[in-house]
Amino acid sequence: MQVRIMSNQQVVRVELGERSYNVVIGSGVRTQIASMVPSAAKRAVIITQATIPFSVEESLVAAGISTRTINIGLGEEFKSLSTIEMILRECAQFGLTRNDVIIGVGGGMVTDIAGFAASAWHRGIAVVHVSTTLVGMVDAAIGGKTGVNLAEGKNLVGAFWQPRGVLCDTDALASLSPRETRCGNGEMAKYHFLTGDDLLSLDLNSRIARCVQIKADIVGSDEREGGRRMLLNYGHTLAHALEIATDFSVAHGEAVAIGLVYAALLARELGRIDDQRVVQHRQVVEGEYGLSCALPAGVSHDELIALMHSDKKALSGLTFVLDGSNGVEPVSPVSVDAVRSALSRMEVR
């Protein structure tokens, strides 16, 4: 799969047969929103947040599409079934039909919610994503995985629902906080270990496009996470547990960075890699991407292990994506003793 460069934008095609779509990366690409909406659509429900730096409403209205904007809350507590119910009731009141569209404008939380709402409304209508965060552009908005959280685990309720298209408008990145940038870097570090690519040698648009291309290639070969797509969860088993255990005071990309180093320590514990490979993980995460790889102080190992048992990709007992002589691959079951031992070797801050 190749990236097409068109003037100041880059286009990656996600190949999924009749559900294939383009991911467009560049400055100002949000103005292309009407071109991604179904031709029969007369209405669009826009799901966003009050802090998002721009809107797509004007472009849609100019194309003759009526809009209703729904602002959802900012915290992870709003990534919930109650938020989905609120959105679907708004869709009913607006008269959204099967020919219409839901549009998510925001980061990964917004596009996860928008995609899930679209998958449920009238048993599935079109959705388009306008990604405004680095973590959303390189990961969350791509690939059709949608969902919301339960108290028992992150993203446990959801659906596979591919968008009609994704717009990654890099104008939004100028407004990101340092923390949001770190979150995107955590996901980029993951792609480093999946491919060995030196992403930091590329300009920003090309870096985003390369991450999208890597994910698109994997999703195209395993849309519903039956095998190869699980590789995209590298570092995520501990990451999701950390998010919940800290009441999301550790953000997703920060947790992934910690999870990548933990996965290396666990792989070493199981004899899959050597000490030098663990050192390489630390060098990439800390040295190249500037991220912490230490566990937050006071987090219970027992709680983390219990949360990892409920991870959505668990197959038979504890399941991890781990490095090894054949590269990164899913490993299951992994003994609790090995998991606990690797946790004990993590630095604490």
Protein backbone atom coordinates (compact mmCIF):
# COMPACT_ATOMS: atom_id res chain seq x y z
CA MET A 1 0.00 0.00 0.00
CA GLN A 2 1.41 3.38 -1.03
CA VAL A 3 0.91 6.93 0.21
CA ARG A 4 -0.24 9.36 -2.47
CA ILE A 5 1.10 12.90 -2.15
CA MET A 6 -1.18 15.59 -3.57
CA SER A 7 0.04 19.21 -3.20
CA ASN A 8 0.19 19.83 0.56
CA GLN A 9 -1.66 16.66 1.57
CA GLN A 10 -1.07 12.93 1.68
CA VAL A 11 -3.66 10.20 1.08
CA VAL A 12 -3.57 6.64 2.40
CA ARG A 13 -6.11 4.09 1.17
CA VAL A 14 -7.47 1.57 3.65
CA GLU A 15 -8.24 -1.45 1.45
CA LEU A 16 -11.30 -3.33 2.66
CA GLY A 17 -13.13 -4.23 -0.52
CA GLU A 18 -16.44 -2.38 -0.80
CA ARG A 19 -15.74 -0.72 2.58
CA SER A 20 -12.41 0.80 1.48
CA TYR A 21 -11.83 4.46 2.26
CA ASN A 22 -9.26 7.24 2.16
CA VAL A 23 -7.40 8.83 5.04
CA VAL A 24 -6.37 12.36 4.04
CA ILE A 25 -3.58 14.08 6.00
CA GLY A 26 -2.67 17.75 5.74
CA SER A 27 -3.35 21.36 6.62
CA GLY A 28 -6.95 22.47 6.11
CA VAL A 29 -8.27 19.12 4.88
CA ARG A 30 -11.36 19.49 7.09
CA THR A 31 -12.88 21.60 4.29
CA GLN A 32 -13.19 18.38 2.24
CA ILE A 33 -15.80 16.98 4.62
CA ALA A 34 -18.74 17.24 2.19
CA SER A 35 -16.92 15.06 -0.35
CA MET A 36 -16.86 12.17 2.15
CA VAL A 37 -20.55 12.34 3.06
CA PRO A 38 -22.96 9.97 1.24
CA SER A 39 -24.57 11.65 -1.76
CA ALA A 40 -28.06 10.85 -0.44
CA ALA A 41 -27.42 12.40 2.98
CA LYS A 42 -29.59 15.37 3.93
CA ARG A 43 -28.68 15.57 7.62
CA ALA A 44 -25.52 15.22 9.67
CA VAL A 45 -25.13 14.84 13.42
CA ILE A 46 -21.74 16.22 14.43
CA ILE A 47 -20.26 14.78 17.63
CA THR A 48 -17.49 16.92 19.09
CA GLN A 49 -16.26 18.65 22.26
CA ALA A 50 -16.24 22.29 23.31
CA THR A 51 -12.42 22.45 23.23
CA ILE A 52 -12.03 21.37 19.59
CA PRO A 53 -10.36 24.25 17.68
CA PHE A 54 -12.58 24.19 14.58
CA SER A 55 -15.93 23.10 13.18
CA VAL A 56 -17.03 21.48 9.92
CA GLU A 57 -20.60 22.77 10.11
CA GLU A 58 -20.10 25.62 7.64
CA SER A 59 -18.75 23.31 4.92
CA LEU A 60 -21.68 20.92 5.37
CA VAL A 61 -24.33 23.65 5.31
CA ALA A 62 -22.75 25.07 2.14
CA ALA A 63 -23.25 21.61 0.58
CA GLY A 64 -26.95 21.66 1.48
CA ILE A 65 -26.72 19.37 4.52
CA SER A 66 -28.62 20.23 7.70
CA THR A 67 -26.59 19.77 10.87
CA ARG A 68 -27.02 19.21 14.58
CA THR A 69 -23.95 19.47 16.82
CA ILE A 70 -23.63 17.48 20.04
CA ASN A 71 -20.89 18.42 22.49
CA ILE A 72 -19.87 15.56 24.76
CA GLY A 73 -17.99 15.83 28.05
CA LEU A 74 -14.20 15.97 28.26
CA GLY A 75 -13.38 13.18 30.72
CA GLU A 76 -13.17 9.43 30.17
CA GLU A 77 -16.24 9.09 32.40
CA PHE A 78 -18.22 10.39 29.43
CA LYS A 79 -17.00 7.54 27.21
CA SER A 80 -19.99 5.54 28.35
CA LEU A 81 -23.23 3.89 27.34
CA SER A 82 -25.15 6.82 28.81
CA THR A 83 -23.40 9.14 26.34
CA ILE A 84 -24.33 6.79 23.49
CA GLU A 85 -27.97 6.84 24.62
CA MET A 86 -27.96 10.64 24.76
CA ILE A 87 -26.56 10.85 21.22
CA LEU A 88 -29.04 8.34 19.79
CA ARG A 89 -31.97 10.19 21.33
CA GLU A 90 -30.68 13.39 19.72
CA CYS A 91 -30.52 11.50 16.40
CA ALA A 92 -34.17 10.51 16.83
CA GLN A 93 -35.24 14.05 17.64
CA PHE A 94 -33.33 15.38 14.63
CA GLY A 95 -34.92 12.83 12.32
CA LEU A 96 -31.67 11.20 11.24
CA THR A 97 -32.39 8.51 8.62
CA ARG A 98 -30.47 5.54 7.25
CA ASN A 99 -29.28 7.74 4.37
CA ASP A 100 -27.76 10.34 6.68
CA VAL A 101 -24.41 10.55 8.45
CA ILE A 102 -22.75 10.94 11.83
CA ILE A 103 -19.48 12.90 11.92
CA GLY A 104 -16.92 12.73 14.71
CA VAL A 105 -14.74 15.83 15.09
CA GLY A 106 -12.14 15.41 17.81
CA GLY A 107 -9.67 12.99 19.33
CA GLY A 108 -9.85 9.25 19.84
CA MET A 109 -12.59 9.42 22.46
CA VAL A 110 -14.83 11.38 20.10
CA THR A 111 -14.26 9.15 17.08
CA ASP A 112 -14.73 5.99 19.19
CA ILE A 113 -18.09 7.31 20.40
CA ALA A 114 -19.17 8.63 16.99
CA GLY A 115 -18.33 5.32 15.32
CA PHE A 116 -20.21 3.28 17.92
CA ALA A 117 -23.26 5.55 17.73
CA ALA A 118 -23.25 5.25 13.92
CA SER A 119 -22.99 1.45 14.13
CA ALA A 120 -26.07 1.33 16.38
CA TRP A 121 -28.35 3.94 14.78
CA HIS A 122 -30.82 2.16 12.46
CA ARG A 123 -28.44 -0.84 12.76
CA GLY A 124 -25.66 1.10 11.06
CA ILE A 125 -25.31 4.36 9.14
CA ALA A 126 -22.37 6.19 7.59
CA VAL A 127 -19.74 7.82 9.78
CA VAL A 128 -16.89 10.19 8.86
CA HIS A 129 -14.07 11.14 11.22
CA VAL A 130 -12.22 14.45 11.42
CA SER A 131 -9.30 13.72 13.71
CA THR A 132 -7.82 16.59 15.72
CA THR A 133 -5.20 14.91 17.93
CA LEU A 134 -1.95 13.17 17.14
CA VAL A 135 -3.01 9.92 18.81
CA GLY A 136 -6.27 10.02 16.84
CA MET A 137 -4.51 10.64 13.54
CA VAL A 138 -1.95 7.86 13.89
CA ASP A 139 -4.23 5.31 15.52
CA ALA A 140 -7.68 5.84 17.03
CA ALA A 141 -9.57 7.24 14.03
CA ILE A 142 -8.28 4.55 11.66
CA GLY A 143 -9.49 0.97 11.33
CA GLY A 144 -13.10 0.92 12.46
CA LYS A 145 -12.75 -0.17 16.09
CA THR A 146 -15.31 1.72 18.15
CA GLY A 147 -16.44 1.45 21.72
CA VAL A 148 -17.06 2.80 25.18
CA ASN A 149 -15.88 1.86 28.66
CA LEU A 150 -17.44 -0.01 31.54
CA ALA A 151 -16.30 0.20 35.15
CA GLU A 152 -14.91 -3.30 34.60
CA GLY A 153 -12.69 -2.40 31.66
CA LYS A 154 -11.78 -0.05 28.82
CA ASN A 155 -13.56 -0.32 25.45
CA LEU A 156 -15.39 -3.50 26.44
CA VAL A 157 -18.59 -2.51 24.59
CA GLY A 158 -18.40 -1.57 20.95
CA ALA A 159 -18.43 -2.67 17.33
CA PHE A 160 -16.26 -2.87 14.24
CA TRP A 161 -17.65 -0.09 12.05
CA GLN A 162 -15.51 1.36 9.29
CA PRO A 163 -15.79 5.07 8.46
CA ARG A 164 -16.48 6.34 4.94
CA GLY A 165 -13.36 8.44 5.27
CA VAL A 166 -11.00 10.11 7.71
CA LEU A 167 -9.63 13.66 7.58
CA CYS A 168 -6.49 14.31 9.65
CA ASP A 169 -6.30 18.09 9.70
CA THR A 170 -2.84 18.96 10.98
CA ASP A 171 -3.91 22.55 11.70
CA ALA A 172 -5.37 21.18 14.94
CA LEU A 173 -2.00 19.97 16.21
CA ALA A 174 -0.81 23.52 16.95
CA SER A 175 -3.36 23.71 19.76
CA LEU A 176 -2.38 20.43 21.44
CA SER A 177 -1.05 20.49 24.97
CA PRO A 178 2.38 18.95 25.61
CA ARG A 179 0.60 16.03 27.25
CA GLU A 180 -1.58 15.35 24.20
CA THR A 181 1.55 15.44 22.05
CA ARG A 182 3.19 12.90 24.37
CA CYS A 183 0.16 10.66 23.94
CA GLY A 184 0.61 10.68 20.18
CA ASN A 185 4.30 9.95 20.61
CA GLY A 186 3.44 6.90 22.71
CA GLU A 187 1.46 5.40 19.84
CA MET A 188 4.21 6.34 17.36
CA ALA A 189 6.76 4.51 19.52
CA LYS A 190 4.56 1.42 19.20
CA TYR A 191 4.83 1.58 15.41
CA HIS A 192 8.62 1.79 15.75
CA PHE A 193 8.66 -1.67 17.34
CA LEU A 194 6.17 -3.12 14.85
CA THR A 195 8.30 -2.08 11.86
CA GLY A 196 11.71 -0.79 12.98
CA ASP A 197 11.00 2.43 11.07
CA ASP A 198 12.80 5.61 12.15
CA LEU A 199 9.64 7.72 12.11
CA LEU A 200 11.34 10.72 13.71
CA SER A 201 13.44 11.20 10.56
CA LEU A 202 10.28 12.15 8.61
CA ASP A 203 8.42 15.46 8.49
CA LEU A 204 5.20 15.53 10.51
CA ASN A 205 2.77 14.87 7.65
CA SER A 206 4.89 11.99 6.38
CA ARG A 207 5.26 10.59 9.90
CA ILE A 208 1.49 10.56 10.38
CA ALA A 209 0.96 9.08 6.92
CA ARG A 210 3.49 6.30 7.58
CA CYS A 211 1.74 5.36 10.84
CA VAL A 212 -1.62 5.33 9.03
CA GLN A 213 -0.12 3.19 6.27
CA ILE A 214 1.23 0.64 8.78
CA LYS A 215 -2.14 0.41 10.49
CA ALA A 216 -4.03 0.29 7.17
CA ASP A 217 -1.89 -2.62 5.96
CA ILE A 218 -2.62 -4.57 9.15
CA VAL A 219 -6.34 -3.74 9.22
CA GLY A 220 -6.65 -4.63 5.55
CA SER A 221 -5.38 -8.14 6.29
CA ASP A 222 -7.30 -8.66 9.57
CA GLU A 223 -10.25 -6.31 9.95
CA ARG A 224 -11.81 -7.93 13.01
CA GLU A 225 -8.73 -8.72 15.08
CA GLY A 226 -8.69 -12.44 14.43
CA GLY A 227 -4.89 -12.57 14.42
CA ARG A 228 -2.48 -10.04 12.92
CA ARG A 229 -4.45 -6.99 14.04
CA MET A 230 -3.73 -7.87 17.65
CA LEU A 231 -0.19 -6.59 16.98
CA LEU A 232 -1.62 -3.06 17.17
CA ASN A 233 -2.22 -3.72 20.87
CA TYR A 234 1.52 -3.86 21.60
CA GLY A 235 1.98 -2.21 24.99
CA HIS A 236 -1.76 -1.83 25.47
CA THR A 237 -2.57 -4.64 27.92
CA LEU A 238 -0.84 -2.93 30.83
CA ALA A 239 -1.72 0.50 29.39
CA HIS A 240 -5.48 -0.03 29.62
CA ALA A 241 -5.13 -1.43 33.14
CA LEU A 242 -3.05 1.58 34.18
CA GLU A 243 -5.60 4.02 32.83
CA ILE A 244 -8.37 2.45 34.90
CA ALA A 245 -6.25 1.90 38.02
CA THR A 246 -5.24 5.57 38.07
CA ASP A 247 -8.74 6.82 37.24
CA PHE A 248 -7.27 8.01 33.91
CA SER A 249 -4.77 10.36 35.54
CA VAL A 250 -2.30 8.51 33.30
CA ALA A 251 -3.39 9.33 29.75
CA HIS A 252 -3.61 6.68 27.03
CA GLY A 253 -0.40 7.41 25.12
CA GLU A 254 1.55 7.85 28.34
CA ALA A 255 0.25 4.48 29.50
CA VAL A 256 1.21 2.87 26.17
CA ALA A 257 4.78 4.10 26.60
CA ILE A 258 4.95 2.43 30.02
CA GLY A 259 3.27 -0.65 28.57
CA LEU A 260 5.86 -0.99 25.80
CA VAL A 261 8.72 -1.23 28.28
CA TYR A 262 6.69 -3.56 30.49
CA ALA A 263 6.01 -5.82 27.50
CA ALA A 264 9.76 -5.97 26.88
CA LEU A 265 10.43 -6.91 30.51
CA LEU A 266 7.74 -9.59 30.35
CA ALA A 267 9.18 -10.95 27.11
CA ARG A 268 12.59 -11.08 28.81
CA GLU A 269 11.04 -12.87 31.79
CA LEU A 270 9.70 -15.51 29.39
CA GLY A 271 13.07 -15.86 27.62
CA ARG A 272 11.75 -14.44 24.35
CA ILE A 273 14.28 -11.57 24.12
CA ASP A 274 17.59 -10.66 25.74
CA ASP A 275 18.60 -7.79 28.02
CA GLN A 276 19.89 -5.72 25.11
CA ARG A 277 16.46 -5.73 23.46
CA VAL A 278 14.94 -4.47 26.72
CA VAL A 279 17.52 -1.67 26.73
CA GLN A 280 16.52 -0.81 23.14
CA HIS A 281 12.90 -0.43 24.25
CA ARG A 282 13.95 2.00 26.97
CA GLN A 283 16.16 3.94 24.56
CA VAL A 284 13.35 4.38 22.04
CA VAL A 285 10.63 5.23 24.56
CA GLU A 286 12.68 7.49 26.82
CA GLY A 287 15.55 8.64 24.63
CA GLU A 288 13.94 9.10 21.23
CA TYR A 289 10.34 9.89 22.14
CA GLY A 290 10.97 11.56 25.53
CA LEU A 291 8.40 9.51 27.42
CA SER A 292 8.44 8.11 30.95
CA CYS A 293 8.45 4.33 31.24
CA ALA A 294 8.04 4.16 35.03
CA LEU A 295 4.95 2.94 36.88
CA PRO A 296 3.12 5.59 38.93
CA ALA A 297 3.79 5.19 42.64
CA GLY A 298 1.10 3.54 44.71
CA VAL A 299 -0.50 1.47 41.96
CA SER A 300 -1.38 -2.01 43.22
CA HIS A 301 0.14 -4.86 41.24
CA ASP A 302 -2.79 -7.07 42.24
CA GLU A 303 -5.25 -4.54 40.82
CA LEU A 304 -3.30 -4.27 37.57
CA ILE A 305 -3.23 -8.05 37.18
CA ALA A 306 -6.97 -8.29 37.83
CA LEU A 307 -7.64 -5.58 35.24
CA MET A 308 -5.37 -7.27 32.70
CA HIS A 309 -7.39 -10.47 33.13
CA SER A 310 -10.46 -8.55 31.88
CA ASP A 311 -8.68 -7.08 28.86
CA LYS A 312 -10.87 -7.43 25.76
CA LYS A 313 -8.26 -9.36 23.77
CA ALA A 314 -7.80 -12.03 26.47
CA LEU A 315 -8.16 -15.44 24.84
CA SER A 316 -7.29 -18.05 27.44
CA GLY A 317 -5.98 -16.54 30.63
CA LEU A 318 -3.67 -13.54 30.45
CA THR A 319 -2.89 -12.55 26.85
CA PHE A 320 -0.10 -10.19 25.77
CA VAL A 321 1.46 -9.00 22.55
CA LEU A 322 5.18 -9.63 23.05
CA ASP A 323 8.45 -9.25 21.19
CA GLY A 324 10.47 -12.33 20.30
CA SER A 325 12.70 -13.99 17.75
CA ASN A 326 9.85 -13.93 15.22
CA GLY A 327 9.03 -10.32 15.97
CA VAL A 328 6.01 -9.00 17.86
CA GLU A 329 3.19 -11.56 18.24
CA PRO A 330 0.28 -12.49 20.56
CA VAL A 331 1.19 -14.84 23.42
CA SER A 332 -1.39 -16.72 25.51
CA PRO A 333 -1.66 -17.87 28.19
CA VAL A 334 0.99 -16.02 30.20
CA SER A 335 1.50 -17.12 33.82
CA VAL A 336 0.55 -14.77 36.63
CA ASP A 337 3.94 -15.41 38.21
CA ALA A 338 5.74 -14.08 35.11
CA VAL A 339 3.42 -11.07 34.95
CA ARG A 340 4.01 -10.27 38.60
CA SER A 341 7.78 -10.72 38.29
CA ALA A 342 7.96 -8.32 35.34
CA LEU A 343 5.90 -5.75 37.25
CA SER A 344 8.37 -5.96 40.13
CA ARG A 345 11.18 -5.00 37.71
CA MET A 346 9.47 -1.81 36.56
CA GLU A 347 10.82 1.52 37.72
CA VAL A 348 8.47 3.52 39.95
CA ARG A 349 8.08 7.28 39.99
